[in-house]
Amino acid sequence: MGCFESREEVKPGVIKFISHEDYVKDLVELKLVALDCSVDSFDGKTKAEELYKFQRVTNALYFNLNQFFDATKKIHRTPTTDELKPVLKELGLTVDTHVVCYDYKDGMPACRAAFILSAMGFKEVRVLNCNFTHQYKKEATEQKSAKLTATAAADIKLDMKFFATVEEVKKIAEGASSDQLIDCRSETAFKKGTIPKAKHLDYTKVWSNHQIKESSEVIKAFKDAGIDIEKPMIFTGALAATVGKAVADHLGFKSGKVFEMTFEEFKIAAEVKPVETKPVETKPVEAAAK
C-alpha cells in the first residue's frame, strides 16, 4: 500500500491500519485480537452476528455495535462507560488488549469501533487494511474465535479530548477559529447541507474497498480539499467522520477530534443559519508530505 511499516508502534489515542500479512505474522507474538465490528443492515435482513459465526478472521471476537445504533441519527453512537464495561468483560478485553477491528461491509463500522475504543482508553487499536470478504471467502468455517477471560470489568474512561464541542465548531462556523472542520460524507450528502465553513473531503477519496489509498493519493485529496495537514482538524459526517480521522491518524497528520452532532442538531444548539445548499469553495493548500 506504500504507507505501512511492519510492527509500527501504535500510540494511545492514535488509530493505525495493519495489513493482513502483518496481522497473520504478529498474531501470536503481539497477542492480537481481531474484533468483527460488522453491523446489521438497515432493513434488518442481514444479521452481522450470524455471518460472524461462519465467516471470520482468525482469533476474532464479535464486537456488537448494533446495540449502540441510534435509528434517528443513523449512526452507531459512542456508548457510555457503564454500557461498554459489561460488553468488554464478556469478551475478555481490557485496555491493554491489542485489538484489530474489521467488518465485512466497507470498513466504516471498523473505523467507528476503533475510534470508540481509542476514546475509551485502549492503548493499541488498529484497523485491518484488506477486503475481508475476498480474503476469507474460502476460509470461513476453518477459523476459530478467540477465547479470553476477563478477571474484572475493563478499567475504561471516556476521554472527551477526542470529541469536539458545539462551542468549538461554532467558532469555526463563525470564522473565529483557525481549526479546520472537515465533512467526510459523500458529495451528494454534502451538497444537501453542511455546517458553514466546513471543508469537504469525500471519504471515498482516501478510502476504498476496505483499504486506505496510497499515501500520495491521500495527501493530494487533503490538499485538493483545502486542508492543511499540519493544522488541527475536526471531522464530521457520521460514520465517515471516523474514517477520516483514522486515515489522518495513520499518516501522522495533525488529526484532532470528531464532532458527533448531526447538522440539524448543531443548528438548534448553536443557532446557526439555515442549511447551505452548495459546497464551500476551497483552495488547495501546500502542506508538507509526511
Protein backbone atom coordinates (compact mmCIF):
# COMPACT_ATOMS: atom_id res chain seq x y z
CA MET A 1 0.00 0.00 0.00
CA GLY A 2 3.00 2.30 0.31
CA CYS A 3 2.10 3.54 3.80
CA PHE A 4 2.91 0.66 6.15
CA GLU A 5 5.79 -0.19 8.41
CA SER A 6 5.90 -3.67 9.86
CA ARG A 7 5.22 -3.71 13.60
CA GLU A 8 4.71 0.03 13.63
CA GLU A 9 4.24 1.33 17.16
CA VAL A 10 0.70 2.38 17.96
CA LYS A 11 0.41 5.24 20.42
CA PRO A 12 -2.60 5.59 22.74
CA GLY A 13 -5.36 7.56 21.09
CA VAL A 14 -3.98 7.01 17.60
CA ILE A 15 -5.54 4.58 15.13
CA LYS A 16 -3.29 2.68 12.74
CA PHE A 17 -4.04 0.32 9.87
CA ILE A 18 -2.47 -3.12 9.67
CA SER A 19 -2.11 -5.26 6.57
CA HIS A 20 -3.42 -8.81 6.50
CA GLU A 21 0.14 -10.09 6.13
CA ASP A 22 1.31 -8.27 9.26
CA TYR A 23 -1.77 -9.38 11.17
CA VAL A 24 -1.00 -13.02 10.46
CA LYS A 25 2.70 -12.54 11.21
CA ASP A 26 2.18 -10.69 14.50
CA LEU A 27 -0.94 -12.55 15.66
CA VAL A 28 0.81 -14.71 18.26
CA GLU A 29 3.81 -12.60 19.26
CA LEU A 30 1.84 -9.40 19.81
CA LYS A 31 -1.24 -11.28 21.07
CA LEU A 32 -3.52 -9.52 18.63
CA VAL A 33 -7.26 -9.98 18.96
CA ALA A 34 -9.45 -9.26 15.96
CA LEU A 35 -12.86 -7.72 16.54
CA ASP A 36 -15.55 -8.33 13.95
CA CYS A 37 -17.39 -4.99 14.06
CA SER A 38 -19.84 -5.76 11.27
CA VAL A 39 -23.32 -4.29 11.72
CA ASP A 40 -26.80 -5.35 10.70
CA SER A 41 -28.23 -3.93 7.50
CA PHE A 42 -30.67 -1.06 7.94
CA ASP A 43 -33.53 -3.20 6.65
CA GLY A 44 -32.72 -5.87 9.21
CA LYS A 45 -32.40 -8.62 6.62
CA THR A 46 -28.67 -9.16 7.12
CA LYS A 47 -27.64 -10.11 10.66
CA ALA A 48 -23.95 -9.48 11.22
CA GLU A 49 -23.51 -11.85 14.14
CA GLU A 50 -24.91 -14.72 12.10
CA LEU A 51 -22.34 -14.05 9.38
CA TYR A 52 -19.60 -13.95 12.01
CA LYS A 53 -20.44 -17.48 13.06
CA PHE A 54 -19.34 -18.95 9.75
CA GLN A 55 -17.05 -16.28 8.29
CA ARG A 56 -14.47 -14.53 10.41
CA VAL A 57 -10.82 -13.60 10.80
CA THR A 58 -8.51 -15.90 12.75
CA ASN A 59 -8.74 -15.25 16.51
CA ALA A 60 -11.75 -12.98 16.11
CA LEU A 61 -14.47 -12.00 18.56
CA TYR A 62 -17.76 -10.37 17.65
CA PHE A 63 -17.99 -6.78 18.89
CA ASN A 64 -21.66 -5.88 18.71
CA LEU A 65 -22.04 -2.26 17.61
CA ASN A 66 -25.73 -2.82 16.84
CA GLN A 67 -26.72 -2.31 20.47
CA PHE A 68 -25.48 1.28 20.21
CA PHE A 69 -27.32 2.13 16.99
CA ASP A 70 -29.26 5.40 17.00
CA ALA A 71 -32.05 4.97 14.45
CA THR A 72 -32.72 8.72 14.32
CA LYS A 73 -29.13 9.74 13.52
CA LYS A 74 -28.38 6.57 11.52
CA ILE A 75 -25.13 6.15 13.42
CA HIS A 76 -23.70 3.79 15.99
CA ARG A 77 -23.28 6.20 18.86
CA THR A 78 -20.49 6.29 21.39
CA PRO A 79 -21.70 4.24 24.38
CA THR A 80 -21.31 5.30 27.99
CA THR A 81 -18.67 3.55 30.08
CA ASP A 82 -21.42 1.75 32.01
CA GLU A 83 -22.84 0.42 28.75
CA LEU A 84 -19.48 -0.69 27.40
CA LYS A 85 -17.95 -2.29 30.51
CA PRO A 86 -20.13 -5.44 30.51
CA VAL A 87 -19.58 -5.87 26.77
CA LEU A 88 -15.81 -5.76 27.21
CA LYS A 89 -15.92 -8.05 30.23
CA GLU A 90 -17.92 -10.64 28.34
CA LEU A 91 -15.35 -10.58 25.54
CA GLY A 92 -12.42 -10.64 27.95
CA LEU A 93 -11.00 -7.34 26.72
CA THR A 94 -9.03 -4.77 28.72
CA VAL A 95 -7.42 -1.51 27.67
CA ASP A 96 -4.15 -3.42 27.30
CA THR A 97 -5.58 -5.82 24.71
CA HIS A 98 -4.11 -5.22 21.25
CA VAL A 99 -7.23 -5.07 19.10
CA VAL A 100 -7.63 -5.13 15.33
CA CYS A 101 -11.05 -4.01 14.07
CA TYR A 102 -12.61 -5.13 10.80
CA ASP A 103 -16.02 -5.62 9.22
CA TYR A 104 -17.41 -7.37 6.16
CA LYS A 105 -19.19 -4.29 4.77
CA ASP A 106 -16.97 -1.38 3.72
CA GLY A 107 -14.64 -0.77 6.66
CA MET A 108 -16.62 2.14 8.09
CA PRO A 109 -18.01 0.26 11.12
CA ALA A 110 -14.47 -0.97 11.86
CA CYS A 111 -13.17 2.61 11.90
CA ARG A 112 -16.10 3.62 14.11
CA ALA A 113 -15.37 0.85 16.61
CA ALA A 114 -11.66 1.68 16.59
CA PHE A 115 -12.47 5.30 17.39
CA ILE A 116 -14.77 4.32 20.27
CA LEU A 117 -12.18 2.00 21.82
CA SER A 118 -9.43 4.62 21.43
CA ALA A 119 -11.61 7.20 23.14
CA MET A 120 -12.24 4.69 25.95
CA GLY A 121 -8.52 4.34 26.65
CA PHE A 122 -7.45 1.27 24.67
CA LYS A 123 -3.71 1.62 24.16
CA GLU A 124 -3.26 -0.17 20.84
CA VAL A 125 -6.02 -0.03 18.24
CA ARG A 126 -5.67 -0.99 14.61
CA VAL A 127 -7.97 -1.44 11.62
CA LEU A 128 -7.45 -4.37 9.27
CA ASN A 129 -6.48 -2.97 5.91
CA CYS A 130 -7.86 -5.54 3.49
CA ASN A 131 -11.08 -6.63 1.85
CA PHE A 132 -12.32 -9.10 4.43
CA THR A 133 -14.86 -10.75 2.13
CA HIS A 134 -12.27 -11.57 -0.52
CA GLN A 135 -9.52 -12.55 1.91
CA TYR A 136 -11.57 -15.00 3.95
CA LYS A 137 -14.19 -16.14 1.48
CA LYS A 138 -12.85 -19.72 1.32
CA GLU A 139 -11.57 -19.94 4.89
CA ALA A 140 -14.83 -19.17 6.66
CA THR A 141 -15.52 -22.41 8.51
CA GLU A 142 -11.88 -23.05 9.40
CA GLN A 143 -11.36 -20.05 11.65
CA LYS A 144 -11.53 -20.33 15.41
CA SER A 145 -12.68 -17.46 17.57
CA ALA A 146 -10.57 -16.15 20.43
CA LYS A 147 -11.29 -17.37 23.94
CA LEU A 148 -10.41 -14.76 26.51
CA THR A 149 -11.31 -14.44 30.15
CA ALA A 150 -11.52 -11.09 31.87
CA THR A 151 -10.68 -11.07 35.56
CA ALA A 152 -12.57 -7.82 36.09
CA ALA A 153 -14.51 -5.20 34.23
CA ALA A 154 -12.30 -3.21 31.89
CA ASP A 155 -10.98 -0.05 33.51
CA ILE A 156 -12.23 2.37 30.91
CA LYS A 157 -12.89 6.07 30.90
CA LEU A 158 -14.25 8.18 28.07
CA ASP A 159 -11.68 10.81 27.15
CA MET A 160 -13.54 13.90 25.98
CA LYS A 161 -10.47 15.28 24.21
CA PHE A 162 -11.47 13.06 21.28
CA PHE A 163 -14.73 14.95 20.83
CA ALA A 164 -15.30 18.46 19.53
CA THR A 165 -17.79 20.64 21.39
CA VAL A 166 -20.57 22.80 19.96
CA GLU A 167 -18.59 25.87 21.02
CA GLU A 168 -15.50 24.77 19.10
CA VAL A 169 -17.45 24.07 15.93
CA LYS A 170 -19.47 27.26 16.25
CA LYS A 171 -16.25 29.30 16.34
CA ILE A 172 -15.16 27.67 13.09
CA ALA A 173 -18.56 28.33 11.51
CA GLU A 174 -18.33 31.98 12.52
CA GLY A 175 -14.75 32.33 11.26
CA ALA A 176 -13.40 32.85 14.77
CA SER A 177 -11.12 29.79 14.82
CA SER A 178 -8.28 28.58 12.61
CA ASP A 179 -9.16 24.94 13.27
CA GLN A 180 -10.45 23.04 10.26
CA LEU A 181 -13.87 21.42 10.13
CA ILE A 182 -13.93 18.53 7.65
CA ASP A 183 -17.13 16.96 6.38
CA CYS A 184 -16.30 13.43 5.20
CA ARG A 185 -19.68 12.47 3.75
CA SER A 186 -20.37 11.81 0.10
CA GLU A 187 -20.67 14.63 -2.43
CA THR A 188 -24.43 14.11 -2.60
CA ALA A 189 -24.91 14.32 1.16
CA PHE A 190 -22.58 17.31 1.46
CA LYS A 191 -24.47 19.31 -1.16
CA LYS A 192 -27.70 18.84 0.76
CA GLY A 193 -26.26 20.90 3.57
CA THR A 194 -23.30 21.19 5.87
CA ILE A 195 -22.00 23.32 8.72
CA PRO A 196 -20.76 26.73 7.50
CA LYS A 197 -17.00 26.86 6.77
CA ALA A 198 -16.78 23.06 6.56
CA LYS A 199 -14.33 21.70 4.01
CA HIS A 200 -15.41 18.68 2.03
CA LEU A 201 -13.32 15.52 1.94
CA ASP A 202 -15.38 12.70 0.46
CA TYR A 203 -14.14 9.65 2.36
CA THR A 204 -14.01 7.65 -0.89
CA LYS A 205 -11.12 9.90 -1.97
CA VAL A 206 -8.94 8.40 0.77
CA TRP A 207 -10.62 5.07 1.43
CA SER A 208 -11.77 2.36 -0.96
CA ASN A 209 -12.66 -1.33 -0.78
CA HIS A 210 -11.82 -1.63 2.94
CA GLN A 211 -8.42 -0.04 2.44
CA ILE A 212 -6.62 3.26 2.85
CA LYS A 213 -5.43 4.57 -0.50
CA GLU A 214 -1.78 5.22 -1.37
CA SER A 215 -0.31 7.92 0.83
CA SER A 216 0.33 10.17 -2.17
CA GLU A 217 -3.36 9.95 -3.14
CA VAL A 218 -4.45 10.70 0.41
CA ILE A 219 -2.19 13.73 0.73
CA LYS A 220 -3.42 15.04 -2.63
CA ALA A 221 -7.06 14.57 -1.59
CA PHE A 222 -6.49 16.55 1.60
CA LYS A 223 -4.69 19.33 -0.29
CA ASP A 224 -7.35 19.48 -3.01
CA ALA A 225 -9.98 19.94 -0.30
CA GLY A 226 -8.05 22.93 1.03
CA ILE A 227 -6.96 21.09 4.19
CA ASP A 228 -3.66 21.86 5.87
CA ILE A 229 -2.41 18.57 7.35
CA GLU A 230 -0.24 20.50 9.83
CA LYS A 231 -3.21 22.24 11.47
CA PRO A 232 -5.84 20.84 13.87
CA MET A 233 -8.78 19.06 12.25
CA ILE A 234 -12.29 18.28 13.41
CA PHE A 235 -14.05 15.54 11.46
CA THR A 236 -17.80 15.38 10.99
CA GLY A 237 -20.16 13.25 8.90
CA ALA A 238 -21.46 10.25 10.89
CA LEU A 239 -19.54 7.01 10.18
CA ALA A 240 -17.45 8.72 7.51
CA ALA A 241 -16.01 11.08 10.14
CA THR A 242 -14.17 8.28 11.91
CA VAL A 243 -12.80 7.03 8.59
CA GLY A 244 -11.32 10.49 8.03
CA LYS A 245 -9.79 10.56 11.50
CA ALA A 246 -8.37 7.04 11.18
CA VAL A 247 -6.72 7.89 7.86
CA ALA A 248 -5.28 11.13 9.25
CA ASP A 249 -4.03 9.29 12.34
CA HIS A 250 -2.34 6.60 10.30
CA LEU A 251 -0.41 9.02 8.13
CA GLY A 252 0.61 11.20 11.05
CA PHE A 253 -1.39 14.30 10.15
CA LYS A 254 -2.41 16.83 12.77
CA SER A 255 -5.56 14.83 13.29
CA GLY A 256 -7.74 16.03 16.13
CA LYS A 257 -11.33 15.37 17.06
CA VAL A 258 -14.67 14.05 15.90
CA PHE A 259 -17.89 16.08 16.05
CA GLU A 260 -20.79 13.70 16.58
CA MET A 261 -23.78 16.02 16.25
CA THR A 262 -25.85 15.97 13.09
CA PHE A 263 -26.16 19.28 11.24
CA GLU A 264 -29.79 19.58 12.34
CA GLU A 265 -28.75 19.18 15.99
CA PHE A 266 -25.95 21.69 15.55
CA LYS A 267 -28.29 24.27 14.00
CA ILE A 268 -30.51 24.12 17.06
CA ALA A 269 -27.69 24.06 19.62
CA ALA A 270 -25.61 26.79 18.00
CA GLU A 271 -28.45 28.82 16.45
CA VAL A 272 -26.78 28.93 13.06
CA LYS A 273 -28.22 29.94 9.73
CA PRO A 274 -30.25 27.53 7.56
CA VAL A 275 -28.61 24.63 5.75
CA GLU A 276 -26.23 25.60 2.97
CA THR A 277 -27.13 24.11 -0.39
CA LYS A 278 -23.73 24.04 -2.07
CA PRO A 279 -20.17 23.24 -1.00
CA VAL A 280 -17.93 25.93 0.40
CA GLU A 281 -15.34 26.93 -2.18
CA THR A 282 -11.85 25.94 -1.07
CA LYS A 283 -8.40 26.43 -2.47
CA PRO A 284 -5.74 23.71 -2.36
CA VAL A 285 -3.07 24.35 0.25
CA GLU A 286 0.58 23.48 0.16
CA ALA A 287 1.25 21.09 3.04
CA ALA A 288 4.43 19.16 3.57
CA ALA A 289 4.08 15.44 2.88
CA LYS A 290 4.80 13.19 5.82
